[in-house]
Amino acid sequence: MPPGKEYMAEGTTCSWVDWIKTWSDITGVPASYRQITPDEMIELTPDRDCGIEVAYMFSYSTDPGYDGGRALLTAADIRKANWYRLPDDELERVGKPPRLVRRVKQG
């Protein structure tokens, strides 16, 4: 890979809709994603400060983007260069957090 470039650590780049569907398929826990406004997030979160923080986090991940608006090298760039083979199924491979799954299923 070229020197002087910045890399984004990632396994799978996908939409929130794809991420939650994959998680739901893996865990067997029904889930869906519905995008809401930052104001709705703040209003619906029991802890207002937490709602503000989460709303800012999701807003930032959209604009300028998770990459901070910079042109970063990603897993796709590494695959294209044949420099290192990253698994294509990274999300599925690591998407099975046993403790979280047990917690969600137990309610």
PDB file of N, CA and C in Angstrom:
ATOM      1  N   MET A   1       0.859  -1.169   0.000  1.00  0.00           N
ATOM      2  CA  MET A   1       0.000   0.000   0.000  1.00  0.00           C
ATOM      3  C   MET A   1       0.904   1.229   0.000  1.00  0.00           C
ATOM      4  N   PRO A   2       0.444   2.307  -0.603  1.00  0.00           N
ATOM      5  CA  PRO A   2       1.293   3.487  -0.722  1.00  0.00           C
ATOM      6  C   PRO A   2       1.572   4.143   0.629  1.00  0.00           C
ATOM      7  N   PRO A   3       2.805   4.632   0.816  1.00  0.00           N
ATOM      8  CA  PRO A   3       3.125   5.325   2.064  1.00  0.00           C
ATOM      9  C   PRO A   3       2.416   6.673   2.126  1.00  0.00           C
ATOM     10  N   GLY A   4       2.226   7.160   3.342  1.00  0.00           N
ATOM     11  CA  GLY A   4       1.616   8.473   3.522  1.00  0.00           C
ATOM     12  C   GLY A   4       0.108   8.492   3.425  1.00  0.00           C
ATOM     13  N   LYS A   5      -0.509   7.339   3.300  1.00  0.00           N
ATOM     14  CA  LYS A   5      -1.969   7.253   3.231  1.00  0.00           C
ATOM     15  C   LYS A   5      -2.524   6.880   4.591  1.00  0.00           C
ATOM     16  N   GLU A   6      -3.777   7.223   4.797  1.00  0.00           N
ATOM     17  CA  GLU A   6      -4.461   6.853   6.034  1.00  0.00           C
ATOM     18  C   GLU A   6      -5.422   5.707   5.726  1.00  0.00           C
ATOM     19  N   TYR A   7      -5.562   4.809   6.675  1.00  0.00           N
ATOM     20  CA  TYR A   7      -6.406   3.636   6.500  1.00  0.00           C
ATOM     21  C   TYR A   7      -7.570   3.683   7.479  1.00  0.00           C
ATOM     22  N   MET A   8      -8.709   3.167   7.046  1.00  0.00           N
ATOM     23  CA  MET A   8      -9.846   3.039   7.948  1.00  0.00           C
ATOM     24  C   MET A   8      -9.965   1.566   8.325  1.00  0.00           C
ATOM     25  N   ALA A   9      -9.911   1.299   9.616  1.00  0.00           N
ATOM     26  CA  ALA A   9     -10.082  -0.071  10.076  1.00  0.00           C
ATOM     27  C   ALA A   9     -11.535  -0.466   9.880  1.00  0.00           C
ATOM     28  N   GLU A  10     -11.757  -1.475   9.100  1.00  0.00           N
ATOM     29  CA  GLU A  10     -13.115  -1.925   8.818  1.00  0.00           C
ATOM     30  C   GLU A  10     -13.069  -3.381   8.395  1.00  0.00           C
ATOM     31  N   GLY A  11     -14.146  -4.030   8.572  1.00  0.00           N
ATOM     32  CA  GLY A  11     -14.279  -5.380   8.064  1.00  0.00           C
ATOM     33  C   GLY A  11     -15.296  -5.391   6.948  1.00  0.00           C
ATOM     34  N   THR A  12     -16.453  -4.831   7.223  1.00  0.00           N
ATOM     35  CA  THR A  12     -17.535  -4.769   6.257  1.00  0.00           C
ATOM     36  C   THR A  12     -18.091  -3.352   6.256  1.00  0.00           C
ATOM     37  N   THR A  13     -18.287  -2.799   5.084  1.00  0.00           N
ATOM     38  CA  THR A  13     -18.931  -1.500   4.951  1.00  0.00           C
ATOM     39  C   THR A  13     -20.337  -1.766   4.422  1.00  0.00           C
ATOM     40  N   CYS A  14     -21.342  -1.379   5.184  1.00  0.00           N
ATOM     41  CA  CYS A  14     -22.710  -1.626   4.763  1.00  0.00           C
ATOM     42  C   CYS A  14     -23.620  -0.583   5.404  1.00  0.00           C
ATOM     43  N   SER A  15     -24.846  -0.580   4.952  1.00  0.00           N
ATOM     44  CA  SER A  15     -25.835   0.348   5.511  1.00  0.00           C
ATOM     45  C   SER A  15     -26.313  -0.163   6.864  1.00  0.00           C
ATOM     46  N   TRP A  16     -26.956   0.715   7.634  1.00  0.00           N
ATOM     47  CA  TRP A  16     -27.539   0.288   8.906  1.00  0.00           C
ATOM     48  C   TRP A  16     -28.624  -0.759   8.676  1.00  0.00           C
ATOM     49  N   VAL A  17     -29.374  -0.630   7.580  1.00  0.00           N
ATOM     50  CA  VAL A  17     -30.421  -1.606   7.258  1.00  0.00           C
ATOM     51  C   VAL A  17     -29.793  -2.983   7.053  1.00  0.00           C
ATOM     52  N   ASP A  18     -28.695  -3.042   6.273  1.00  0.00           N
ATOM     53  CA  ASP A  18     -28.020  -4.313   6.034  1.00  0.00           C
ATOM     54  C   ASP A  18     -27.408  -4.858   7.322  1.00  0.00           C
ATOM     55  N   TRP A  19     -26.825  -3.978   8.134  1.00  0.00           N
ATOM     56  CA  TRP A  19     -26.178  -4.413   9.372  1.00  0.00           C
ATOM     57  C   TRP A  19     -27.196  -5.060  10.318  1.00  0.00           C
ATOM     58  N   ILE A  20     -28.324  -4.385  10.539  1.00  0.00           N
ATOM     59  CA  ILE A  20     -29.293  -4.924  11.496  1.00  0.00           C
ATOM     60  C   ILE A  20     -29.954  -6.193  10.958  1.00  0.00           C
ATOM     61  N   LYS A  21     -30.149  -6.284   9.626  1.00  0.00           N
ATOM     62  CA  LYS A  21     -30.702  -7.514   9.046  1.00  0.00           C
ATOM     63  C   LYS A  21     -29.730  -8.672   9.258  1.00  0.00           C
ATOM     64  N   THR A  22     -28.448  -8.445   9.021  1.00  0.00           N
ATOM     65  CA  THR A  22     -27.444  -9.492   9.221  1.00  0.00           C
ATOM     66  C   THR A  22     -27.410  -9.913  10.684  1.00  0.00           C
ATOM     67  N   TRP A  23     -27.413  -8.936  11.580  1.00  0.00           N
ATOM     68  CA  TRP A  23     -27.395  -9.244  13.012  1.00  0.00           C
ATOM     69  C   TRP A  23     -28.624 -10.063  13.397  1.00  0.00           C
ATOM     70  N   SER A  24     -29.780  -9.672  12.894  1.00  0.00           N
ATOM     71  CA  SER A  24     -31.020 -10.377  13.199  1.00  0.00           C
ATOM     72  C   SER A  24     -30.987 -11.809  12.651  1.00  0.00           C
ATOM     73  N   ASP A  25     -30.472 -11.969  11.420  1.00  0.00           N
ATOM     74  CA  ASP A  25     -30.369 -13.304  10.825  1.00  0.00           C
ATOM     75  C   ASP A  25     -29.433 -14.195  11.641  1.00  0.00           C
ATOM     76  N   ILE A  26     -28.320 -13.637  12.088  1.00  0.00           N
ATOM     77  CA  ILE A  26     -27.320 -14.414  12.831  1.00  0.00           C
ATOM     78  C   ILE A  26     -27.846 -14.815  14.207  1.00  0.00           C
ATOM     79  N   THR A  27     -28.470 -13.872  14.889  1.00  0.00           N
ATOM     80  CA  THR A  27     -28.884 -14.114  16.271  1.00  0.00           C
ATOM     81  C   THR A  27     -30.259 -14.748  16.406  1.00  0.00           C
ATOM     82  N   GLY A  28     -31.084 -14.611  15.365  1.00  0.00           N
ATOM     83  CA  GLY A  28     -32.451 -15.103  15.458  1.00  0.00           C
ATOM     84  C   GLY A  28     -33.356 -14.165  16.231  1.00  0.00           C
ATOM     85  N   VAL A  29     -32.849 -12.993  16.576  1.00  0.00           N
ATOM     86  CA  VAL A  29     -33.629 -11.995  17.310  1.00  0.00           C
ATOM     87  C   VAL A  29     -34.240 -11.032  16.284  1.00  0.00           C
ATOM     88  N   PRO A  30     -35.575 -10.940  16.216  1.00  0.00           N
ATOM     89  CA  PRO A  30     -36.189 -10.028  15.251  1.00  0.00           C
ATOM     90  C   PRO A  30     -35.755  -8.581  15.516  1.00  0.00           C
ATOM     91  N   ALA A  31     -35.339  -7.904  14.462  1.00  0.00           N
ATOM     92  CA  ALA A  31     -34.918  -6.510  14.592  1.00  0.00           C
ATOM     93  C   ALA A  31     -35.074  -5.829  13.246  1.00  0.00           C
ATOM     94  N   SER A  32     -35.282  -4.535  13.291  1.00  0.00           N
ATOM     95  CA  SER A  32     -35.333  -3.743  12.061  1.00  0.00           C
ATOM     96  C   SER A  32     -34.755  -2.372  12.375  1.00  0.00           C
ATOM     97  N   TYR A  33     -34.442  -1.646  11.324  1.00  0.00           N
ATOM     98  CA  TYR A  33     -33.851  -0.321  11.469  1.00  0.00           C
ATOM     99  C   TYR A  33     -34.797   0.706  10.863  1.00  0.00           C
ATOM    100  N   ARG A  34     -35.050   1.756  11.604  1.00  0.00           N
ATOM    101  CA  ARG A  34     -35.854   2.866  11.095  1.00  0.00           C
ATOM    102  C   ARG A  34     -35.103   4.132  11.445  1.00  0.00           C
ATOM    103  N   GLN A  35     -34.745   4.900  10.435  1.00  0.00           N
ATOM    104  CA  GLN A  35     -34.008   6.125  10.686  1.00  0.00           C
ATOM    105  C   GLN A  35     -34.948   7.194  11.255  1.00  0.00           C
ATOM    106  N   ILE A  36     -34.462   7.885  12.280  1.00  0.00           N
ATOM    107  CA  ILE A  36     -35.222   8.976  12.881  1.00  0.00           C
ATOM    108  C   ILE A  36     -34.343  10.216  12.922  1.00  0.00           C
ATOM    109  N   THR A  37     -34.952  11.341  13.190  1.00  0.00           N
ATOM    110  CA  THR A  37     -34.208  12.594  13.264  1.00  0.00           C
ATOM    111  C   THR A  37     -33.454  12.675  14.593  1.00  0.00           C
ATOM    112  N   PRO A  38     -32.437  13.522  14.653  1.00  0.00           N
ATOM    113  CA  PRO A  38     -31.744  13.725  15.927  1.00  0.00           C
ATOM    114  C   PRO A  38     -32.697  14.154  17.047  1.00  0.00           C
ATOM    115  N   ASP A  39     -33.651  15.023  16.740  1.00  0.00           N
ATOM    116  CA  ASP A  39     -34.607  15.460  17.765  1.00  0.00           C
ATOM    117  C   ASP A  39     -35.450  14.293  18.282  1.00  0.00           C
ATOM    118  N   GLU A  40     -35.866  13.393  17.378  1.00  0.00           N
ATOM    119  CA  GLU A  40     -36.623  12.211  17.802  1.00  0.00           C
ATOM    120  C   GLU A  40     -35.762  11.317  18.696  1.00  0.00           C
ATOM    121  N   MET A  41     -34.481  11.145  18.330  1.00  0.00           N
ATOM    122  CA  MET A  41     -33.579  10.315  19.137  1.00  0.00           C
ATOM    123  C   MET A  41     -33.460  10.879  20.547  1.00  0.00           C
ATOM    124  N   ILE A  42     -33.288  12.181  20.643  1.00  0.00           N
ATOM    125  CA  ILE A  42     -33.147  12.827  21.952  1.00  0.00           C
ATOM    126  C   ILE A  42     -34.425  12.652  22.761  1.00  0.00           C
ATOM    127  N   GLU A  43     -35.563  12.861  22.113  1.00  0.00           N
ATOM    128  CA  GLU A  43     -36.848  12.751  22.809  1.00  0.00           C
ATOM    129  C   GLU A  43     -37.150  11.319  23.256  1.00  0.00           C
ATOM    130  N   LEU A  44     -36.780  10.326  22.442  1.00  0.00           N
ATOM    131  CA  LEU A  44     -37.118   8.935  22.736  1.00  0.00           C
ATOM    132  C   LEU A  44     -36.138   8.243  23.690  1.00  0.00           C
ATOM    133  N   THR A  45     -34.996   8.863  23.954  1.00  0.00           N
ATOM    134  CA  THR A  45     -33.998   8.258  24.838  1.00  0.00           C
ATOM    135  C   THR A  45     -34.285   8.691  26.270  1.00  0.00           C
ATOM    136  N   PRO A  46     -34.453   7.742  27.201  1.00  0.00           N
ATOM    137  CA  PRO A  46     -34.786   8.101  28.580  1.00  0.00           C
ATOM    138  C   PRO A  46     -33.777   9.054  29.227  1.00  0.00           C
ATOM    139  N   ASP A  47     -32.503   8.899  28.912  1.00  0.00           N
ATOM    140  CA  ASP A  47     -31.470   9.795  29.432  1.00  0.00           C
ATOM    141  C   ASP A  47     -31.169  10.827  28.343  1.00  0.00           C
ATOM    142  N   ARG A  48     -31.641  12.051  28.533  1.00  0.00           N
ATOM    143  CA  ARG A  48     -31.528  13.088  27.505  1.00  0.00           C
ATOM    144  C   ARG A  48     -30.090  13.291  27.030  1.00  0.00           C
ATOM    145  N   ASP A  49     -29.140  13.352  27.964  1.00  0.00           N
ATOM    146  CA  ASP A  49     -27.749  13.566  27.570  1.00  0.00           C
ATOM    147  C   ASP A  49     -27.235  12.421  26.702  1.00  0.00           C
ATOM    148  N   CYS A  50     -27.630  11.206  27.036  1.00  0.00           N
ATOM    149  CA  CYS A  50     -27.248  10.052  26.219  1.00  0.00           C
ATOM    150  C   CYS A  50     -27.877  10.179  24.825  1.00  0.00           C
ATOM    151  N   GLY A  51     -29.124  10.591  24.766  1.00  0.00           N
ATOM    152  CA  GLY A  51     -29.807  10.796  23.486  1.00  0.00           C
ATOM    153  C   GLY A  51     -29.100  11.830  22.625  1.00  0.00           C
ATOM    154  N   ILE A  52     -28.648  12.906  23.255  1.00  0.00           N
ATOM    155  CA  ILE A  52     -27.905  13.941  22.525  1.00  0.00           C
ATOM    156  C   ILE A  52     -26.605  13.354  21.980  1.00  0.00           C
ATOM    157  N   GLU A  53     -25.880  12.628  22.822  1.00  0.00           N
ATOM    158  CA  GLU A  53     -24.599  12.037  22.403  1.00  0.00           C
ATOM    159  C   GLU A  53     -24.788  11.066  21.237  1.00  0.00           C
ATOM    160  N   VAL A  54     -25.778  10.191  21.337  1.00  0.00           N
ATOM    161  CA  VAL A  54     -26.034   9.213  20.279  1.00  0.00           C
ATOM    162  C   VAL A  54     -26.484   9.919  18.996  1.00  0.00           C
ATOM    163  N   ALA A  55     -27.331  10.921  19.124  1.00  0.00           N
ATOM    164  CA  ALA A  55     -27.789  11.671  17.949  1.00  0.00           C
ATOM    165  C   ALA A  55     -26.613  12.344  17.249  1.00  0.00           C
ATOM    166  N   TYR A  56     -25.708  12.939  18.027  1.00  0.00           N
ATOM    167  CA  TYR A  56     -24.520  13.566  17.427  1.00  0.00           C
ATOM    168  C   TYR A  56     -23.643  12.516  16.738  1.00  0.00           C
ATOM    169  N   MET A  57     -23.484  11.358  17.387  1.00  0.00           N
ATOM    170  CA  MET A  57     -22.650  10.306  16.807  1.00  0.00           C
ATOM    171  C   MET A  57     -23.201   9.858  15.456  1.00  0.00           C
ATOM    172  N   PHE A  58     -24.504   9.587  15.398  1.00  0.00           N
ATOM    173  CA  PHE A  58     -25.086   9.145  14.132  1.00  0.00           C
ATOM    174  C   PHE A  58     -25.068  10.263  13.093  1.00  0.00           C
ATOM    175  N   SER A  59     -25.295  11.493  13.516  1.00  0.00           N
ATOM    176  CA  SER A  59     -25.241  12.613  12.571  1.00  0.00           C
ATOM    177  C   SER A  59     -23.847  12.739  11.980  1.00  0.00           C
ATOM    178  N   TYR A  60     -22.817  12.625  12.822  1.00  0.00           N
ATOM    179  CA  TYR A  60     -21.442  12.737  12.340  1.00  0.00           C
ATOM    180  C   TYR A  60     -21.099  11.591  11.398  1.00  0.00           C
ATOM    181  N   SER A  61     -21.606  10.384  11.683  1.00  0.00           N
ATOM    182  CA  SER A  61     -21.287   9.256  10.816  1.00  0.00           C
ATOM    183  C   SER A  61     -21.928   9.402   9.438  1.00  0.00           C
ATOM    184  N   THR A  62     -22.898  10.302   9.322  1.00  0.00           N
ATOM    185  CA  THR A  62     -23.527  10.586   8.040  1.00  0.00           C
ATOM    186  C   THR A  62     -22.855  11.771   7.346  1.00  0.00           C
ATOM    187  N   ASP A  63     -22.574  12.825   8.079  1.00  0.00           N
ATOM    188  CA  ASP A  63     -21.966  14.037   7.511  1.00  0.00           C
ATOM    189  C   ASP A  63     -21.013  14.648   8.525  1.00  0.00           C
ATOM    190  N   PRO A  64     -19.742  14.567   8.336  1.00  0.00           N
ATOM    191  CA  PRO A  64     -19.032  14.310   7.080  1.00  0.00           C
ATOM    192  C   PRO A  64     -18.874  12.839   6.739  1.00  0.00           C
ATOM    193  N   GLY A  65     -19.231  11.958   7.645  1.00  0.00           N
ATOM    194  CA  GLY A  65     -19.093  10.525   7.384  1.00  0.00           C
ATOM    195  C   GLY A  65     -18.156   9.899   8.391  1.00  0.00           C
ATOM    196  N   TYR A  66     -18.247   8.587   8.491  1.00  0.00           N
ATOM    197  CA  TYR A  66     -17.438   7.862   9.455  1.00  0.00           C
ATOM    198  C   TYR A  66     -15.953   8.107   9.225  1.00  0.00           C
ATOM    199  N   ASP A  67     -15.591   8.394   7.984  1.00  0.00           N
ATOM    200  CA  ASP A  67     -14.193   8.647   7.641  1.00  0.00           C
ATOM    201  C   ASP A  67     -13.761  10.078   7.906  1.00  0.00           C
ATOM    202  N   GLY A  68     -14.650  10.898   8.455  1.00  0.00           N
ATOM    203  CA  GLY A  68     -14.307  12.286   8.740  1.00  0.00           C
ATOM    204  C   GLY A  68     -14.195  13.143   7.500  1.00  0.00           C
ATOM    205  N   GLY A  69     -14.699  12.646   6.383  1.00  0.00           N
ATOM    206  CA  GLY A  69     -14.647  13.402   5.140  1.00  0.00           C
ATOM    207  C   GLY A  69     -13.311  13.289   4.412  1.00  0.00           C
ATOM    208  N   ARG A  70     -12.425  12.436   4.924  1.00  0.00           N
ATOM    209  CA  ARG A  70     -11.112  12.261   4.286  1.00  0.00           C
ATOM    210  C   ARG A  70     -11.161  11.084   3.315  1.00  0.00           C
ATOM    211  N   ALA A  71     -10.259  11.107   2.360  1.00  0.00           N
ATOM    212  CA  ALA A  71     -10.139  10.001   1.398  1.00  0.00           C
ATOM    213  C   ALA A  71      -9.230   8.945   2.007  1.00  0.00           C
ATOM    214  N   LEU A  72      -9.818   7.986   2.689  1.00  0.00           N
ATOM    215  CA  LEU A  72      -9.061   6.938   3.368  1.00  0.00           C
ATOM    216  C   LEU A  72      -9.016   5.673   2.526  1.00  0.00           C
ATOM    217  N   LEU A  73      -7.963   4.909   2.708  1.00  0.00           N
ATOM    218  CA  LEU A  73      -7.907   3.579   2.113  1.00  0.00           C
ATOM    219  C   LEU A  73      -8.754   2.653   2.979  1.00  0.00           C
ATOM    220  N   THR A  74      -9.505   1.780   2.334  1.00  0.00           N
ATOM    221  CA  THR A  74     -10.415   0.891   3.049  1.00  0.00           C
ATOM    222  C   THR A  74     -10.068  -0.565   2.750  1.00  0.00           C
ATOM    223  N   ALA A  75     -10.825  -1.470   3.325  1.00  0.00           N
ATOM    224  CA  ALA A  75     -10.625  -2.897   3.070  1.00  0.00           C
ATOM    225  C   ALA A  75     -10.751  -3.194   1.578  1.00  0.00           C
ATOM    226  N   ALA A  76     -11.653  -2.510   0.885  1.00  0.00           N
ATOM    227  CA  ALA A  76     -11.816  -2.730  -0.559  1.00  0.00           C
ATOM    228  C   ALA A  76     -10.536  -2.358  -1.310  1.00  0.00           C
ATOM    229  N   ASP A  77      -9.881  -1.277  -0.901  1.00  0.00           N
ATOM    230  CA  ASP A  77      -8.618  -0.887  -1.538  1.00  0.00           C
ATOM    231  C   ASP A  77      -7.538  -1.939  -1.318  1.00  0.00           C
ATOM    232  N   ILE A  78      -7.509  -2.482  -0.100  1.00  0.00           N
ATOM    233  CA  ILE A  78      -6.521  -3.512   0.224  1.00  0.00           C
ATOM    234  C   ILE A  78      -6.799  -4.771  -0.590  1.00  0.00           C
ATOM    235  N   ARG A  79      -8.079  -5.128  -0.745  1.00  0.00           N
ATOM    236  CA  ARG A  79      -8.428  -6.299  -1.559  1.00  0.00           C
ATOM    237  C   ARG A  79      -8.008  -6.086  -3.015  1.00  0.00           C
ATOM    238  N   LYS A  80      -8.300  -4.887  -3.554  1.00  0.00           N
ATOM    239  CA  LYS A  80      -7.948  -4.588  -4.949  1.00  0.00           C
ATOM    240  C   LYS A  80      -6.452  -4.698  -5.176  1.00  0.00           C
ATOM    241  N   ALA A  81      -5.669  -4.246  -4.229  1.00  0.00           N
ATOM    242  CA  ALA A  81      -4.212  -4.273  -4.366  1.00  0.00           C
ATOM    243  C   ALA A  81      -3.645  -5.666  -4.120  1.00  0.00           C
ATOM    244  N   ASN A  82      -4.504  -6.593  -3.673  1.00  0.00           N
ATOM    245  CA  ASN A  82      -4.083  -7.954  -3.361  1.00  0.00           C
ATOM    246  C   ASN A  82      -2.945  -7.964  -2.339  1.00  0.00           C
ATOM    247  N   TRP A  83      -2.938  -6.958  -1.486  1.00  0.00           N
ATOM    248  CA  TRP A  83      -1.891  -6.817  -0.487  1.00  0.00           C
ATOM    249  C   TRP A  83      -2.104  -7.751   0.683  1.00  0.00           C
ATOM    250  N   TYR A  84      -3.343  -7.884   1.083  1.00  0.00           N
ATOM    251  CA  TYR A  84      -3.697  -8.754   2.197  1.00  0.00           C
ATOM    252  C   TYR A  84      -5.136  -9.168   1.989  1.00  0.00           C
ATOM    253  N   ARG A  85      -5.437 -10.431   2.145  1.00  0.00           N
ATOM    254  CA  ARG A  85      -6.796 -10.911   1.917  1.00  0.00           C
ATOM    255  C   ARG A  85      -7.606 -10.813   3.193  1.00  0.00           C
ATOM    256  N   LEU A  86      -8.565  -9.903   3.188  1.00  0.00           N
ATOM    257  CA  LEU A  86      -9.485  -9.761   4.315  1.00  0.00           C
ATOM    258  C   LEU A  86     -10.727 -10.590   4.027  1.00  0.00           C
ATOM    259  N   PRO A  87     -11.281 -11.233   5.029  1.00  0.00           N
ATOM    260  CA  PRO A  87     -12.479 -12.047   4.798  1.00  0.00           C
ATOM    261  C   PRO A  87     -13.649 -11.201   4.296  1.00  0.00           C
ATOM    262  N   ASP A  88     -14.370 -11.727   3.312  1.00  0.00           N
ATOM    263  CA  ASP A  88     -15.553 -11.030   2.797  1.00  0.00           C
ATOM    264  C   ASP A  88     -16.723 -11.125   3.764  1.00  0.00           C
ATOM    265  N   ASP A  89     -16.689 -12.105   4.656  1.00  0.00           N
ATOM    266  CA  ASP A  89     -17.807 -12.340   5.563  1.00  0.00           C
ATOM    267  C   ASP A  89     -17.522 -11.805   6.962  1.00  0.00           C
ATOM    268  N   GLU A  90     -16.731 -10.752   7.063  1.00  0.00           N
ATOM    269  CA  GLU A  90     -16.307 -10.244   8.374  1.00  0.00           C
ATOM    270  C   GLU A  90     -17.496  -9.937   9.282  1.00  0.00           C
ATOM    271  N   LEU A  91     -18.508  -9.285   8.760  1.00  0.00           N
ATOM    272  CA  LEU A  91     -19.668  -8.939   9.590  1.00  0.00           C
ATOM    273  C   LEU A  91     -20.333 -10.202  10.126  1.00  0.00           C
ATOM    274  N   GLU A  92     -20.523 -11.193   9.264  1.00  0.00           N
ATOM    275  CA  GLU A  92     -21.151 -12.432   9.707  1.00  0.00           C
ATOM    276  C   GLU A  92     -20.255 -13.181  10.697  1.00  0.00           C
ATOM    277  N   ARG A  93     -18.945 -13.138  10.453  1.00  0.00           N
ATOM    278  CA  ARG A  93     -18.000 -13.887  11.281  1.00  0.00           C
ATOM    279  C   ARG A  93     -17.937 -13.340  12.702  1.00  0.00           C
ATOM    280  N   VAL A  94     -17.954 -12.018  12.841  1.00  0.00           N
ATOM    281  CA  VAL A  94     -17.831 -11.431  14.177  1.00  0.00           C
ATOM    282  C   VAL A  94     -19.166 -10.966  14.729  1.00  0.00           C
ATOM    283  N   GLY A  95     -20.237 -11.182  13.980  1.00  0.00           N
ATOM    284  CA  GLY A  95     -21.541 -10.675  14.385  1.00  0.00           C
ATOM    285  C   GLY A  95     -22.283 -11.506  15.390  1.00  0.00           C
ATOM    286  N   LYS A  96     -21.606 -12.409  16.047  1.00  0.00           N
ATOM    287  CA  LYS A  96     -22.271 -13.268  17.018  1.00  0.00           C
ATOM    288  C   LYS A  96     -21.771 -12.983  18.428  1.00  0.00           C
ATOM    289  N   PRO A  97     -22.161 -11.867  19.005  1.00  0.00           N
ATOM    290  CA  PRO A  97     -21.727 -11.585  20.378  1.00  0.00           C
ATOM    291  C   PRO A  97     -22.592 -12.358  21.371  1.00  0.00           C
ATOM    292  N   PRO A  98     -22.109 -13.483  21.894  1.00  0.00           N
ATOM    293  CA  PRO A  98     -22.964 -14.367  22.705  1.00  0.00           C
ATOM    294  C   PRO A  98     -23.621 -13.698  23.901  1.00  0.00           C
ATOM    295  N   ARG A  99     -22.886 -12.874  24.645  1.00  0.00           N
ATOM    296  CA  ARG A  99     -23.490 -12.249  25.829  1.00  0.00           C
ATOM    297  C   ARG A  99     -24.615 -11.311  25.436  1.00  0.00           C
ATOM    298  N   LEU A 100     -24.413 -10.525  24.380  1.00  0.00           N
ATOM    299  CA  LEU A 100     -25.442  -9.593  23.936  1.00  0.00           C
ATOM    300  C   LEU A 100     -26.677 -10.348  23.448  1.00  0.00           C
ATOM    301  N   VAL A 101     -26.452 -11.410  22.701  1.00  0.00           N
ATOM    302  CA  VAL A 101     -27.583 -12.195  22.188  1.00  0.00           C
ATOM    303  C   VAL A 101     -28.392 -12.761  23.348  1.00  0.00           C
ATOM    304  N   ARG A 102     -27.725 -13.336  24.344  1.00  0.00           N
ATOM    305  CA  ARG A 102     -28.449 -13.873  25.500  1.00  0.00           C
ATOM    306  C   ARG A 102     -29.250 -12.787  26.194  1.00  0.00           C
ATOM    307  N   ARG A 103     -28.643 -11.618  26.346  1.00  0.00           N
ATOM    308  CA  ARG A 103     -29.334 -10.514  27.023  1.00  0.00           C
ATOM    309  C   ARG A 103     -30.578 -10.087  26.276  1.00  0.00           C
ATOM    310  N   VAL A 104     -30.459  -9.941  24.950  1.00  0.00           N
ATOM    311  CA  VAL A 104     -31.604  -9.495  24.150  1.00  0.00           C
ATOM    312  C   VAL A 104     -32.712 -10.530  24.199  1.00  0.00           C
ATOM    313  N   LYS A 105     -32.356 -11.809  24.091  1.00  0.00           N
ATOM    314  CA  LYS A 105     -33.375 -12.865  24.114  1.00  0.00           C
ATOM    315  C   LYS A 105     -34.054 -12.971  25.474  1.00  0.00           C
ATOM    316  N   GLN A 106     -33.306 -12.680  26.551  1.00  0.00           N
ATOM    317  CA  GLN A 106     -33.880 -12.772  27.893  1.00  0.00           C
ATOM    318  C   GLN A 106     -34.754 -11.561  28.226  1.00  0.00           C
ATOM    319  N   GLY A 107     -34.531 -10.458  27.509  1.00  0.00           N
ATOM    320  CA  GLY A 107     -35.329  -9.262  27.749  1.00  0.00           C
ATOM    321  C   GLY A 107     -34.769  -8.506  28.850  1.00  0.00           C
TER     322      GLY A 107
END
